[in-house]
């Protein structure tokens, strides 16, 4: 287990703040109170480290398979109209990440990035349906070797204030390659062809890079 590079800055800031806080409390109140604040600070720092963890796990690489782009719980499986890029009916599969999940995102299929956009927006709770179109988000369209396109959307949550995405238009990507990172609670939506076979269910917990969500026709 290592720490993800996107967490370095946050971890340094949190550590500096906690050290300064405990020093100030020690200076004002003495040892006894500082014992309790030090313990609380240790717990907070451990939670921050846990949030930015970068687990070592092998990617499931299979032709036609769609692997989970994130850890979390499946909160939506429904037919919708995707009107940003694909302009057609799609199967939407959404994964909600709590603050206790790994927040790295991975590319679900191999292909070429045909479209990438970052959209400013609101910071509603990520489990709400409207968050997919109204929250801060990125949209990435991947085209596989057969010409099939899917859209992957990173959505910020109520606490998330920064989405990192490594996608670049016209660049080839591998299945299971890191796509980005979302800080502090968020959601990832997949927009798939309507004839996609879905192998997961609502409320099912999935593991990014390893759980197969379904299969492209």
N, C-alpha and C. Protein backbone atom coordinates (compact mmCIF):
# COMPACT_ATOMS: atom_id res chain seq x y z
N UNK A 1 0.84 -1.20 0.00
CA UNK A 1 0.00 0.00 0.00
C UNK A 1 0.88 1.25 0.00
N UNK A 2 0.62 2.15 -0.93
CA UNK A 2 1.36 3.40 -1.00
C UNK A 2 0.36 4.56 -0.97
N UNK A 3 0.90 5.78 -0.93
CA UNK A 3 0.06 6.99 -0.97
C UNK A 3 0.04 7.52 -2.39
N UNK A 4 -1.14 7.87 -2.88
CA UNK A 4 -1.28 8.38 -4.23
C UNK A 4 -0.66 9.77 -4.33
N UNK A 5 -0.06 10.06 -5.48
CA UNK A 5 0.63 11.34 -5.67
C UNK A 5 -0.29 12.54 -5.50
N UNK A 6 -1.61 12.37 -5.76
CA UNK A 6 -2.54 13.49 -5.62
C UNK A 6 -2.77 13.87 -4.17
N UNK A 7 -2.30 13.03 -3.24
CA UNK A 7 -2.53 13.32 -1.84
C UNK A 7 -1.39 14.04 -1.14
N UNK A 8 -0.22 14.12 -1.79
CA UNK A 8 0.95 14.67 -1.11
C UNK A 8 0.70 16.07 -0.55
N UNK A 9 0.18 16.97 -1.37
CA UNK A 9 -0.03 18.35 -0.94
C UNK A 9 -1.00 18.44 0.22
N UNK A 10 -2.12 17.73 0.11
CA UNK A 10 -3.13 17.76 1.17
C UNK A 10 -2.57 17.21 2.47
N UNK A 11 -1.82 16.11 2.38
CA UNK A 11 -1.26 15.48 3.58
C UNK A 11 -0.30 16.43 4.29
N UNK A 12 0.54 17.12 3.54
CA UNK A 12 1.49 18.07 4.15
C UNK A 12 0.75 19.20 4.85
N UNK A 13 -0.29 19.74 4.20
CA UNK A 13 -1.07 20.83 4.79
C UNK A 13 -1.76 20.38 6.08
N UNK A 14 -2.38 19.19 6.04
CA UNK A 14 -3.07 18.66 7.22
C UNK A 14 -2.09 18.43 8.37
N UNK A 15 -0.93 17.85 8.05
CA UNK A 15 0.07 17.57 9.07
C UNK A 15 0.56 18.87 9.71
N UNK A 16 0.85 19.88 8.89
CA UNK A 16 1.33 21.17 9.41
C UNK A 16 0.27 21.82 10.30
N UNK A 17 -1.01 21.73 9.86
CA UNK A 17 -2.09 22.32 10.65
C UNK A 17 -2.24 21.62 12.01
N UNK A 18 -2.21 20.30 12.01
CA UNK A 18 -2.37 19.55 13.25
C UNK A 18 -1.21 19.78 14.22
N UNK A 19 0.01 19.85 13.68
CA UNK A 19 1.17 20.13 14.54
C UNK A 19 1.07 21.51 15.16
N UNK A 20 0.68 22.50 14.34
CA UNK A 20 0.54 23.87 14.85
C UNK A 20 -0.58 23.95 15.88
N UNK A 21 -1.69 23.24 15.62
CA UNK A 21 -2.83 23.24 16.54
C UNK A 21 -2.43 22.66 17.89
N UNK A 22 -1.75 21.53 17.88
CA UNK A 22 -1.38 20.88 19.14
C UNK A 22 -0.31 21.67 19.89
N UNK A 23 0.57 22.31 19.15
CA UNK A 23 1.57 23.17 19.81
C UNK A 23 0.88 24.33 20.51
N UNK A 24 -0.09 24.94 19.83
CA UNK A 24 -0.81 26.06 20.44
C UNK A 24 -1.59 25.63 21.67
N UNK A 25 -2.24 24.46 21.59
CA UNK A 25 -3.01 23.95 22.73
C UNK A 25 -2.08 23.63 23.90
N UNK A 26 -0.93 23.04 23.60
CA UNK A 26 0.05 22.74 24.65
C UNK A 26 0.53 24.03 25.32
N UNK A 27 0.77 25.05 24.53
CA UNK A 27 1.27 26.33 25.05
C UNK A 27 0.22 26.99 25.94
N UNK A 28 -1.07 26.84 25.58
CA UNK A 28 -2.14 27.53 26.32
C UNK A 28 -2.66 26.73 27.50
N UNK A 29 -2.69 25.38 27.38
CA UNK A 29 -3.37 24.58 28.40
C UNK A 29 -2.48 23.57 29.11
N UNK A 30 -1.36 23.21 28.52
CA UNK A 30 -0.49 22.24 29.17
C UNK A 30 -0.63 20.83 28.62
N UNK A 31 -0.02 19.88 29.32
CA UNK A 31 0.13 18.51 28.82
C UNK A 31 -1.18 17.74 28.79
N UNK A 32 -2.00 17.87 29.83
CA UNK A 32 -3.18 17.00 29.97
C UNK A 32 -4.14 17.14 28.80
N UNK A 33 -4.48 18.37 28.45
CA UNK A 33 -5.40 18.60 27.33
C UNK A 33 -4.76 18.18 26.02
N UNK A 34 -3.47 18.42 25.89
CA UNK A 34 -2.76 18.10 24.65
C UNK A 34 -2.75 16.59 24.39
N UNK A 35 -2.82 15.78 25.45
CA UNK A 35 -2.87 14.32 25.26
C UNK A 35 -4.11 13.93 24.45
N UNK A 36 -5.24 14.55 24.79
CA UNK A 36 -6.49 14.22 24.09
C UNK A 36 -6.49 14.77 22.66
N UNK A 37 -6.03 16.00 22.50
CA UNK A 37 -6.01 16.59 21.14
C UNK A 37 -5.01 15.88 20.24
N UNK A 38 -3.93 15.41 20.83
CA UNK A 38 -2.93 14.66 20.04
C UNK A 38 -3.52 13.36 19.53
N UNK A 39 -4.29 12.68 20.40
CA UNK A 39 -4.92 11.43 19.99
C UNK A 39 -5.94 11.68 18.88
N UNK A 40 -6.76 12.73 19.04
CA UNK A 40 -7.74 13.08 18.01
C UNK A 40 -7.05 13.44 16.70
N UNK A 41 -5.94 14.16 16.81
CA UNK A 41 -5.19 14.56 15.61
C UNK A 41 -4.62 13.35 14.90
N UNK A 42 -4.16 12.37 15.66
CA UNK A 42 -3.63 11.15 15.06
C UNK A 42 -4.71 10.42 14.27
N UNK A 43 -5.92 10.35 14.83
CA UNK A 43 -7.04 9.69 14.14
C UNK A 43 -7.37 10.43 12.84
N UNK A 44 -7.44 11.76 12.90
CA UNK A 44 -7.74 12.56 11.71
C UNK A 44 -6.67 12.33 10.64
N UNK A 45 -5.42 12.35 11.05
CA UNK A 45 -4.33 12.18 10.08
C UNK A 45 -4.35 10.79 9.47
N UNK A 46 -4.68 9.78 10.29
CA UNK A 46 -4.77 8.41 9.78
C UNK A 46 -5.89 8.29 8.75
N UNK A 47 -7.01 8.97 8.97
CA UNK A 47 -8.13 8.95 8.02
C UNK A 47 -7.73 9.61 6.70
N UNK A 48 -6.99 10.69 6.79
CA UNK A 48 -6.53 11.38 5.57
C UNK A 48 -5.58 10.47 4.78
N UNK A 49 -4.65 9.83 5.48
CA UNK A 49 -3.74 8.90 4.81
C UNK A 49 -4.52 7.76 4.15
N UNK A 50 -5.53 7.25 4.86
CA UNK A 50 -6.33 6.16 4.33
C UNK A 50 -7.08 6.58 3.08
N UNK A 51 -7.55 7.82 3.05
CA UNK A 51 -8.29 8.30 1.90
C UNK A 51 -7.43 8.32 0.64
N UNK A 52 -6.16 8.67 0.78
CA UNK A 52 -5.28 8.79 -0.37
C UNK A 52 -4.47 7.52 -0.63
N UNK A 53 -4.92 6.40 -0.11
CA UNK A 53 -4.18 5.15 -0.30
C UNK A 53 -4.22 4.73 -1.78
N UNK A 54 -3.17 4.08 -2.18
CA UNK A 54 -3.03 3.62 -3.56
C UNK A 54 -2.72 2.12 -3.52
N UNK A 55 -3.76 1.28 -3.45
CA UNK A 55 -3.54 -0.15 -3.28
C UNK A 55 -2.94 -0.80 -4.52
N UNK A 56 -2.14 -1.82 -4.29
CA UNK A 56 -1.58 -2.58 -5.40
C UNK A 56 -2.56 -3.70 -5.74
N UNK A 57 -3.13 -3.66 -6.93
CA UNK A 57 -4.07 -4.71 -7.36
C UNK A 57 -3.93 -4.92 -8.86
N UNK A 58 -4.03 -6.17 -9.25
CA UNK A 58 -3.92 -6.52 -10.66
C UNK A 58 -5.21 -6.14 -11.40
N UNK A 59 -5.06 -5.60 -12.60
CA UNK A 59 -6.23 -5.24 -13.41
C UNK A 59 -6.76 -6.47 -14.13
N UNK A 60 -8.09 -6.57 -14.20
CA UNK A 60 -8.73 -7.59 -15.03
C UNK A 60 -8.73 -7.06 -16.46
N UNK A 61 -8.03 -7.72 -17.35
CA UNK A 61 -7.95 -7.27 -18.74
C UNK A 61 -8.57 -8.34 -19.63
N UNK A 62 -9.75 -8.03 -20.20
CA UNK A 62 -10.44 -8.99 -21.06
C UNK A 62 -11.13 -8.24 -22.20
N UNK A 63 -11.00 -8.77 -23.40
CA UNK A 63 -11.65 -8.16 -24.57
C UNK A 63 -13.16 -8.13 -24.38
N UNK A 64 -13.74 -6.96 -24.58
CA UNK A 64 -15.18 -6.81 -24.49
C UNK A 64 -15.70 -6.56 -23.10
N UNK A 65 -14.87 -6.80 -22.08
CA UNK A 65 -15.31 -6.58 -20.70
C UNK A 65 -15.25 -5.10 -20.35
N UNK A 66 -16.15 -4.68 -19.47
CA UNK A 66 -16.14 -3.33 -18.92
C UNK A 66 -15.83 -3.47 -17.44
N UNK A 67 -14.64 -3.04 -17.02
CA UNK A 67 -14.27 -3.18 -15.62
C UNK A 67 -14.69 -1.93 -14.84
N UNK A 68 -14.91 -2.10 -13.56
CA UNK A 68 -15.33 -0.99 -12.72
C UNK A 68 -14.26 0.10 -12.71
N UNK A 69 -14.64 1.34 -13.01
CA UNK A 69 -13.68 2.44 -13.00
C UNK A 69 -13.41 3.00 -11.61
N UNK A 70 -14.11 2.48 -10.59
CA UNK A 70 -13.96 3.00 -9.24
C UNK A 70 -14.44 1.98 -8.22
N UNK A 71 -13.95 2.12 -6.99
CA UNK A 71 -14.51 1.37 -5.87
C UNK A 71 -15.82 2.03 -5.45
N UNK A 72 -16.73 1.25 -4.90
CA UNK A 72 -17.95 1.86 -4.38
C UNK A 72 -19.16 0.98 -4.53
N UNK A 73 -20.33 1.62 -4.56
CA UNK A 73 -21.61 0.92 -4.63
C UNK A 73 -22.38 1.36 -5.88
N UNK A 74 -22.97 0.40 -6.58
CA UNK A 74 -23.76 0.71 -7.77
C UNK A 74 -25.07 1.36 -7.32
N UNK A 75 -25.30 2.61 -7.73
CA UNK A 75 -26.49 3.34 -7.30
C UNK A 75 -27.47 3.59 -8.44
N UNK A 76 -27.09 3.27 -9.67
CA UNK A 76 -28.01 3.47 -10.79
C UNK A 76 -27.67 2.51 -11.92
N UNK A 77 -28.71 1.89 -12.48
CA UNK A 77 -28.62 1.12 -13.72
C UNK A 77 -29.91 1.44 -14.47
N UNK A 78 -29.82 2.30 -15.47
CA UNK A 78 -31.04 2.73 -16.13
C UNK A 78 -30.75 3.22 -17.55
N UNK A 79 -31.80 3.23 -18.37
CA UNK A 79 -31.67 3.73 -19.73
C UNK A 79 -31.95 5.23 -19.72
N UNK A 80 -31.00 6.00 -20.27
CA UNK A 80 -31.12 7.46 -20.29
C UNK A 80 -30.71 7.99 -21.65
N UNK A 81 -30.96 9.26 -21.87
CA UNK A 81 -30.51 9.95 -23.08
C UNK A 81 -29.22 10.68 -22.74
N UNK A 82 -28.13 10.34 -23.41
CA UNK A 82 -26.86 11.05 -23.19
C UNK A 82 -26.77 12.16 -24.23
N UNK A 83 -26.84 13.41 -23.77
CA UNK A 83 -26.96 14.51 -24.73
C UNK A 83 -25.73 15.42 -24.81
N UNK A 84 -24.64 15.02 -24.15
CA UNK A 84 -23.43 15.86 -24.25
C UNK A 84 -22.61 15.53 -25.49
N UNK A 85 -22.40 14.25 -25.74
CA UNK A 85 -21.54 13.86 -26.86
C UNK A 85 -22.13 12.72 -27.68
N UNK A 86 -22.54 11.65 -27.03
CA UNK A 86 -23.03 10.47 -27.75
C UNK A 86 -24.35 10.74 -28.47
N UNK A 87 -25.19 11.60 -27.86
CA UNK A 87 -26.47 12.02 -28.47
C UNK A 87 -27.36 10.83 -28.80
N UNK A 88 -27.48 9.93 -27.87
CA UNK A 88 -28.31 8.75 -28.10
C UNK A 88 -28.71 8.13 -26.76
N UNK A 89 -29.62 7.17 -26.81
CA UNK A 89 -29.99 6.45 -25.59
C UNK A 89 -28.84 5.53 -25.18
N UNK A 90 -28.61 5.49 -23.87
CA UNK A 90 -27.52 4.68 -23.33
C UNK A 90 -27.98 3.99 -22.05
N UNK A 91 -27.24 2.98 -21.66
CA UNK A 91 -27.40 2.41 -20.33
C UNK A 91 -26.45 3.14 -19.39
N UNK A 92 -26.99 3.77 -18.36
CA UNK A 92 -26.16 4.46 -17.38
C UNK A 92 -25.94 3.55 -16.19
N UNK A 93 -24.67 3.33 -15.85
CA UNK A 93 -24.30 2.61 -14.64
C UNK A 93 -23.49 3.57 -13.78
N UNK A 94 -23.95 3.81 -12.56
CA UNK A 94 -23.29 4.79 -11.69
C UNK A 94 -22.77 4.13 -10.43
N UNK A 95 -21.56 4.53 -10.05
CA UNK A 95 -20.90 4.01 -8.85
C UNK A 95 -20.65 5.16 -7.89
N UNK A 96 -21.18 5.04 -6.67
CA UNK A 96 -20.98 6.06 -5.64
C UNK A 96 -19.84 5.66 -4.73
N UNK A 97 -18.91 6.60 -4.53
CA UNK A 97 -17.75 6.37 -3.66
C UNK A 97 -17.94 7.14 -2.35
N UNK A 98 -17.93 6.44 -1.23
CA UNK A 98 -17.96 7.13 0.06
C UNK A 98 -16.55 7.57 0.41
N UNK A 99 -16.42 8.32 1.50
CA UNK A 99 -15.08 8.79 1.89
C UNK A 99 -14.18 7.65 2.32
N UNK A 100 -14.75 6.46 2.53
CA UNK A 100 -13.94 5.32 2.97
C UNK A 100 -13.44 4.47 1.80
N UNK A 101 -13.91 4.76 0.60
CA UNK A 101 -13.46 4.02 -0.59
C UNK A 101 -12.15 4.58 -1.13
N UNK A 102 -11.43 3.76 -1.89
CA UNK A 102 -10.30 4.27 -2.68
C UNK A 102 -10.87 5.22 -3.73
N UNK A 103 -10.23 6.37 -3.92
CA UNK A 103 -10.79 7.38 -4.82
C UNK A 103 -10.02 7.54 -6.13
N UNK A 104 -9.21 6.55 -6.45
CA UNK A 104 -8.58 6.51 -7.77
C UNK A 104 -9.63 6.06 -8.78
N UNK A 105 -9.54 6.56 -10.01
CA UNK A 105 -10.41 6.10 -11.10
C UNK A 105 -9.56 5.47 -12.18
N UNK A 106 -10.12 4.43 -12.83
CA UNK A 106 -9.40 3.69 -13.86
C UNK A 106 -10.22 3.65 -15.15
N UNK A 107 -9.54 3.55 -16.30
CA UNK A 107 -10.23 3.41 -17.57
C UNK A 107 -10.88 2.02 -17.64
N UNK A 108 -12.18 1.97 -17.96
CA UNK A 108 -12.89 0.67 -17.94
C UNK A 108 -12.64 -0.20 -19.16
N UNK A 109 -12.22 0.40 -20.27
CA UNK A 109 -11.92 -0.37 -21.48
C UNK A 109 -10.65 0.17 -22.13
N UNK A 110 -10.12 -0.60 -23.07
CA UNK A 110 -8.98 -0.15 -23.87
C UNK A 110 -9.48 0.60 -25.09
N UNK A 111 -8.76 1.63 -25.50
CA UNK A 111 -9.18 2.35 -26.70
C UNK A 111 -8.44 3.66 -26.87
N UNK A 112 -9.12 4.58 -27.54
CA UNK A 112 -8.57 5.92 -27.80
C UNK A 112 -9.53 6.96 -27.21
N UNK A 113 -8.99 7.96 -26.54
CA UNK A 113 -9.81 9.03 -25.99
C UNK A 113 -10.22 9.96 -27.14
N UNK A 114 -11.52 9.99 -27.41
CA UNK A 114 -12.02 10.81 -28.53
C UNK A 114 -12.54 12.17 -28.08
N UNK A 115 -12.78 12.31 -26.76
CA UNK A 115 -13.38 13.56 -26.26
C UNK A 115 -13.07 13.69 -24.78
N UNK A 116 -12.70 14.90 -24.36
CA UNK A 116 -12.49 15.18 -22.94
C UNK A 116 -12.93 16.62 -22.65
N UNK A 117 -13.75 16.77 -21.62
CA UNK A 117 -14.18 18.10 -21.20
C UNK A 117 -14.29 18.14 -19.68
N UNK A 118 -13.90 19.30 -19.11
CA UNK A 118 -14.13 19.56 -17.70
C UNK A 118 -15.24 20.60 -17.59
N UNK A 119 -16.22 20.34 -16.74
CA UNK A 119 -17.36 21.25 -16.58
C UNK A 119 -17.40 21.76 -15.14
N UNK A 120 -17.44 23.07 -14.98
CA UNK A 120 -17.67 23.63 -13.65
C UNK A 120 -19.13 23.39 -13.27
N UNK A 121 -19.42 23.36 -11.99
CA UNK A 121 -20.80 23.10 -11.57
C UNK A 121 -20.96 23.19 -10.08
N UNK A 122 -22.06 22.62 -9.60
CA UNK A 122 -22.41 22.66 -8.20
C UNK A 122 -21.72 21.52 -7.44
N UNK A 123 -22.01 21.44 -6.14
CA UNK A 123 -21.42 20.39 -5.31
C UNK A 123 -22.52 19.74 -4.46
N UNK A 124 -23.57 19.28 -5.14
CA UNK A 124 -24.63 18.54 -4.45
C UNK A 124 -24.11 17.16 -4.05
N UNK A 125 -24.85 16.48 -3.18
CA UNK A 125 -24.48 15.12 -2.80
C UNK A 125 -24.38 14.25 -4.04
N UNK A 126 -23.30 13.47 -4.16
CA UNK A 126 -23.01 12.73 -5.39
C UNK A 126 -24.00 11.61 -5.67
N UNK A 127 -24.74 11.15 -4.64
CA UNK A 127 -25.69 10.06 -4.88
C UNK A 127 -26.99 10.55 -5.53
N UNK A 128 -27.20 11.87 -5.61
CA UNK A 128 -28.42 12.40 -6.23
C UNK A 128 -28.33 12.30 -7.75
N UNK A 129 -29.42 11.92 -8.44
CA UNK A 129 -29.38 11.79 -9.91
C UNK A 129 -28.94 13.07 -10.62
N UNK A 130 -29.37 14.24 -10.12
CA UNK A 130 -29.04 15.50 -10.79
C UNK A 130 -27.56 15.82 -10.75
N UNK A 131 -26.81 15.18 -9.85
CA UNK A 131 -25.38 15.47 -9.74
C UNK A 131 -24.65 15.14 -11.04
N UNK A 132 -25.17 14.19 -11.82
CA UNK A 132 -24.50 13.77 -13.05
C UNK A 132 -24.41 14.89 -14.08
N UNK A 133 -25.38 15.82 -14.03
CA UNK A 133 -25.41 16.88 -15.03
C UNK A 133 -25.24 18.28 -14.45
N UNK A 134 -25.32 18.42 -13.12
CA UNK A 134 -25.26 19.75 -12.53
C UNK A 134 -24.02 19.98 -11.67
N UNK A 135 -23.38 18.91 -11.23
CA UNK A 135 -22.19 19.07 -10.39
C UNK A 135 -20.93 19.30 -11.22
N UNK A 136 -19.87 19.73 -10.54
CA UNK A 136 -18.54 19.76 -11.16
C UNK A 136 -18.24 18.37 -11.69
N UNK A 137 -17.73 18.27 -12.93
CA UNK A 137 -17.57 16.95 -13.54
C UNK A 137 -16.60 16.99 -14.71
N UNK A 138 -16.13 15.82 -15.10
CA UNK A 138 -15.40 15.66 -16.35
C UNK A 138 -16.10 14.60 -17.18
N UNK A 139 -16.01 14.71 -18.49
CA UNK A 139 -16.58 13.71 -19.40
C UNK A 139 -15.48 13.22 -20.32
N UNK A 140 -15.35 11.89 -20.41
CA UNK A 140 -14.33 11.27 -21.25
C UNK A 140 -15.00 10.23 -22.14
N UNK A 141 -14.81 10.34 -23.45
CA UNK A 141 -15.35 9.36 -24.38
C UNK A 141 -14.21 8.49 -24.88
N UNK A 142 -14.40 7.17 -24.76
CA UNK A 142 -13.40 6.21 -25.21
C UNK A 142 -13.97 5.39 -26.36
N UNK A 143 -13.19 5.23 -27.41
CA UNK A 143 -13.60 4.42 -28.56
C UNK A 143 -12.69 3.20 -28.64
N UNK A 144 -13.29 2.00 -28.68
CA UNK A 144 -12.47 0.79 -28.76
C UNK A 144 -12.13 0.47 -30.22
N UNK A 145 -11.40 -0.61 -30.43
CA UNK A 145 -10.90 -0.94 -31.78
C UNK A 145 -12.03 -1.29 -32.76
N UNK A 146 -13.22 -1.61 -32.23
CA UNK A 146 -14.36 -1.93 -33.09
C UNK A 146 -15.23 -0.70 -33.39
N UNK A 147 -14.81 0.45 -32.86
CA UNK A 147 -15.56 1.68 -33.11
C UNK A 147 -16.66 1.97 -32.12
N UNK A 148 -16.82 1.13 -31.11
CA UNK A 148 -17.83 1.36 -30.08
C UNK A 148 -17.33 2.43 -29.11
N UNK A 149 -18.22 3.38 -28.79
CA UNK A 149 -17.86 4.46 -27.89
C UNK A 149 -18.64 4.38 -26.59
N UNK A 150 -17.95 4.66 -25.49
CA UNK A 150 -18.61 4.79 -24.20
C UNK A 150 -18.17 6.11 -23.57
N UNK A 151 -18.99 6.64 -22.67
CA UNK A 151 -18.64 7.88 -21.98
C UNK A 151 -18.47 7.59 -20.50
N UNK A 152 -17.38 8.08 -19.94
CA UNK A 152 -17.11 7.95 -18.51
C UNK A 152 -17.13 9.35 -17.90
N UNK A 153 -17.89 9.52 -16.84
CA UNK A 153 -18.03 10.85 -16.23
C UNK A 153 -17.63 10.80 -14.76
N UNK A 154 -16.65 11.60 -14.39
CA UNK A 154 -16.28 11.78 -12.99
C UNK A 154 -17.14 12.92 -12.43
N UNK A 155 -17.79 12.70 -11.31
CA UNK A 155 -18.70 13.69 -10.73
C UNK A 155 -18.26 14.03 -9.31
N UNK A 156 -18.09 15.31 -9.03
CA UNK A 156 -17.74 15.74 -7.68
C UNK A 156 -18.94 15.61 -6.76
N UNK A 157 -18.68 15.41 -5.46
CA UNK A 157 -19.75 15.31 -4.48
C UNK A 157 -19.85 16.54 -3.62
N UNK A 158 -20.56 16.44 -2.50
CA UNK A 158 -20.77 17.57 -1.62
C UNK A 158 -19.46 18.03 -0.98
N UNK A 159 -18.55 17.09 -0.73
CA UNK A 159 -17.26 17.42 -0.13
C UNK A 159 -16.15 17.57 -1.15
N UNK A 160 -16.30 16.91 -2.30
CA UNK A 160 -15.24 16.93 -3.31
C UNK A 160 -15.10 18.32 -3.91
N UNK A 161 -13.91 18.83 -3.96
CA UNK A 161 -13.65 20.15 -4.53
C UNK A 161 -12.61 20.11 -5.64
N UNK A 162 -12.16 18.92 -5.97
CA UNK A 162 -11.17 18.85 -7.05
C UNK A 162 -11.26 17.51 -7.74
N UNK A 163 -11.40 17.55 -9.06
CA UNK A 163 -11.37 16.34 -9.88
C UNK A 163 -10.09 16.38 -10.71
N UNK A 164 -9.33 15.32 -10.66
CA UNK A 164 -8.13 15.19 -11.48
C UNK A 164 -8.40 14.16 -12.56
N UNK A 165 -8.11 14.49 -13.81
CA UNK A 165 -8.30 13.55 -14.91
C UNK A 165 -7.08 13.59 -15.82
N UNK A 166 -6.55 12.40 -16.14
CA UNK A 166 -5.34 12.31 -16.95
C UNK A 166 -5.63 12.08 -18.43
N UNK A 167 -6.90 12.05 -18.81
CA UNK A 167 -7.27 11.76 -20.21
C UNK A 167 -6.81 12.87 -21.14
N UNK A 168 -6.35 12.48 -22.32
CA UNK A 168 -5.96 13.43 -23.36
C UNK A 168 -6.56 12.97 -24.68
N UNK A 169 -7.19 13.89 -25.39
CA UNK A 169 -7.85 13.53 -26.65
C UNK A 169 -6.86 12.94 -27.65
N UNK A 170 -7.33 11.90 -28.35
CA UNK A 170 -6.58 11.18 -29.38
C UNK A 170 -5.41 10.38 -28.83
N UNK A 171 -5.40 10.17 -27.54
CA UNK A 171 -4.33 9.37 -26.93
C UNK A 171 -4.86 7.98 -26.61
N UNK A 172 -4.08 6.95 -26.92
CA UNK A 172 -4.46 5.59 -26.61
C UNK A 172 -4.33 5.30 -25.12
N UNK A 173 -5.27 4.53 -24.59
CA UNK A 173 -5.23 4.17 -23.17
C UNK A 173 -5.47 2.66 -23.03
N UNK A 174 -5.01 2.10 -21.92
CA UNK A 174 -5.15 0.68 -21.65
C UNK A 174 -6.25 0.44 -20.62
N UNK A 175 -6.87 -0.71 -20.70
CA UNK A 175 -7.87 -1.08 -19.71
C UNK A 175 -7.21 -1.22 -18.34
N UNK A 176 -7.77 -0.55 -17.33
CA UNK A 176 -7.20 -0.60 -15.99
C UNK A 176 -6.14 0.44 -15.72
N UNK A 177 -5.79 1.24 -16.74
CA UNK A 177 -4.83 2.33 -16.55
C UNK A 177 -5.49 3.43 -15.72
N UNK A 178 -4.70 4.13 -14.88
CA UNK A 178 -5.28 5.18 -14.06
C UNK A 178 -5.84 6.32 -14.92
N UNK A 179 -7.08 6.69 -14.64
CA UNK A 179 -7.76 7.76 -15.35
C UNK A 179 -7.72 9.07 -14.58
N UNK A 180 -7.71 8.98 -13.25
CA UNK A 180 -7.70 10.20 -12.45
C UNK A 180 -8.00 9.93 -10.99
N UNK A 181 -8.42 10.99 -10.31
CA UNK A 181 -8.63 10.94 -8.87
C UNK A 181 -9.66 12.01 -8.51
N UNK A 182 -10.58 11.67 -7.58
CA UNK A 182 -11.54 12.66 -7.09
C UNK A 182 -11.39 12.73 -5.58
N UNK A 183 -11.26 13.94 -5.04
CA UNK A 183 -11.00 14.10 -3.61
C UNK A 183 -12.28 14.22 -2.79
N UNK A 184 -12.39 13.36 -1.78
CA UNK A 184 -13.40 13.45 -0.73
C UNK A 184 -14.85 13.26 -1.19
N UNK A 185 -15.19 12.05 -1.55
CA UNK A 185 -16.58 11.68 -1.80
C UNK A 185 -17.07 12.05 -3.18
N UNK A 186 -17.52 11.09 -3.96
CA UNK A 186 -17.81 11.40 -5.35
C UNK A 186 -18.52 10.24 -6.05
N UNK A 187 -18.58 10.32 -7.39
CA UNK A 187 -19.35 9.35 -8.17
C UNK A 187 -18.74 9.24 -9.57
N UNK A 188 -18.86 8.06 -10.15
CA UNK A 188 -18.44 7.86 -11.54
C UNK A 188 -19.62 7.25 -12.30
N UNK A 189 -19.97 7.87 -13.45
CA UNK A 189 -21.05 7.37 -14.30
C UNK A 189 -20.46 6.79 -15.58
N UNK A 190 -21.04 5.68 -16.02
CA UNK A 190 -20.69 5.09 -17.31
C UNK A 190 -21.93 5.16 -18.21
N UNK A 191 -21.75 5.60 -19.45
CA UNK A 191 -22.82 5.60 -20.44
C UNK A 191 -22.44 4.61 -21.53
N UNK A 192 -23.21 3.52 -21.59
CA UNK A 192 -22.87 2.37 -22.42
C UNK A 192 -23.93 2.14 -23.48
N UNK A 193 -23.58 1.46 -24.59
CA UNK A 193 -24.60 1.11 -25.59
C UNK A 193 -25.75 0.35 -24.94
N UNK A 194 -26.97 0.55 -25.43
CA UNK A 194 -28.15 -0.06 -24.80
C UNK A 194 -28.14 -1.59 -24.89
N UNK A 195 -27.36 -2.15 -25.84
CA UNK A 195 -27.31 -3.62 -25.93
C UNK A 195 -26.19 -4.23 -25.09
N UNK A 196 -25.59 -3.42 -24.21
CA UNK A 196 -24.54 -3.93 -23.33
C UNK A 196 -25.14 -4.91 -22.31
N UNK A 197 -24.44 -6.01 -22.08
CA UNK A 197 -24.88 -6.95 -21.05
C UNK A 197 -24.33 -6.49 -19.71
N UNK A 198 -25.23 -6.25 -18.75
CA UNK A 198 -24.82 -5.78 -17.43
C UNK A 198 -24.81 -6.95 -16.45
N UNK A 199 -23.69 -7.13 -15.74
CA UNK A 199 -23.54 -8.27 -14.83
C UNK A 199 -23.56 -7.86 -13.36
N UNK A 200 -23.88 -6.59 -13.06
CA UNK A 200 -23.96 -6.16 -11.66
C UNK A 200 -25.39 -5.73 -11.35
N UNK A 201 -25.68 -5.57 -10.07
CA UNK A 201 -27.01 -5.19 -9.62
C UNK A 201 -26.94 -3.93 -8.77
N UNK A 202 -28.10 -3.27 -8.61
CA UNK A 202 -28.18 -2.11 -7.73
C UNK A 202 -27.75 -2.48 -6.32
N UNK A 203 -27.06 -1.56 -5.68
CA UNK A 203 -26.56 -1.71 -4.30
C UNK A 203 -25.37 -2.66 -4.20
N UNK A 204 -24.94 -3.24 -5.30
CA UNK A 204 -23.78 -4.14 -5.25
C UNK A 204 -22.51 -3.33 -5.06
N UNK A 205 -21.63 -3.83 -4.21
CA UNK A 205 -20.33 -3.19 -4.02
C UNK A 205 -19.36 -3.72 -5.08
N UNK A 206 -18.60 -2.80 -5.68
CA UNK A 206 -17.67 -3.19 -6.74
C UNK A 206 -16.27 -2.71 -6.39
N UNK A 207 -15.29 -3.36 -6.99
CA UNK A 207 -13.89 -3.02 -6.77
C UNK A 207 -13.29 -2.50 -8.07
N UNK A 208 -12.80 -1.28 -8.02
CA UNK A 208 -12.20 -0.68 -9.20
C UNK A 208 -11.05 -1.49 -9.75
N UNK A 209 -11.01 -1.61 -11.07
CA UNK A 209 -9.94 -2.32 -11.78
C UNK A 209 -10.12 -3.84 -11.75
N UNK A 210 -11.11 -4.34 -11.00
CA UNK A 210 -11.22 -5.79 -10.86
C UNK A 210 -12.63 -6.33 -11.13
N UNK A 211 -13.67 -5.65 -10.67
CA UNK A 211 -15.04 -6.14 -10.90
C UNK A 211 -15.45 -5.89 -12.35
N UNK A 212 -15.97 -6.92 -13.03
CA UNK A 212 -16.50 -6.75 -14.39
C UNK A 212 -17.96 -6.30 -14.28
N UNK A 213 -18.23 -5.09 -14.77
CA UNK A 213 -19.59 -4.55 -14.72
C UNK A 213 -20.48 -5.17 -15.79
N UNK A 214 -19.90 -5.52 -16.92
CA UNK A 214 -20.68 -6.08 -18.03
C UNK A 214 -19.80 -6.29 -19.24
N UNK A 215 -20.50 -6.52 -20.38
CA UNK A 215 -19.78 -6.85 -21.62
C UNK A 215 -20.39 -6.08 -22.79
N UNK A 216 -19.50 -5.49 -23.60
CA UNK A 216 -19.94 -4.85 -24.82
C UNK A 216 -20.30 -5.92 -25.85
N UNK A 217 -21.33 -5.66 -26.64
CA UNK A 217 -21.77 -6.64 -27.62
C UNK A 217 -20.71 -6.82 -28.69
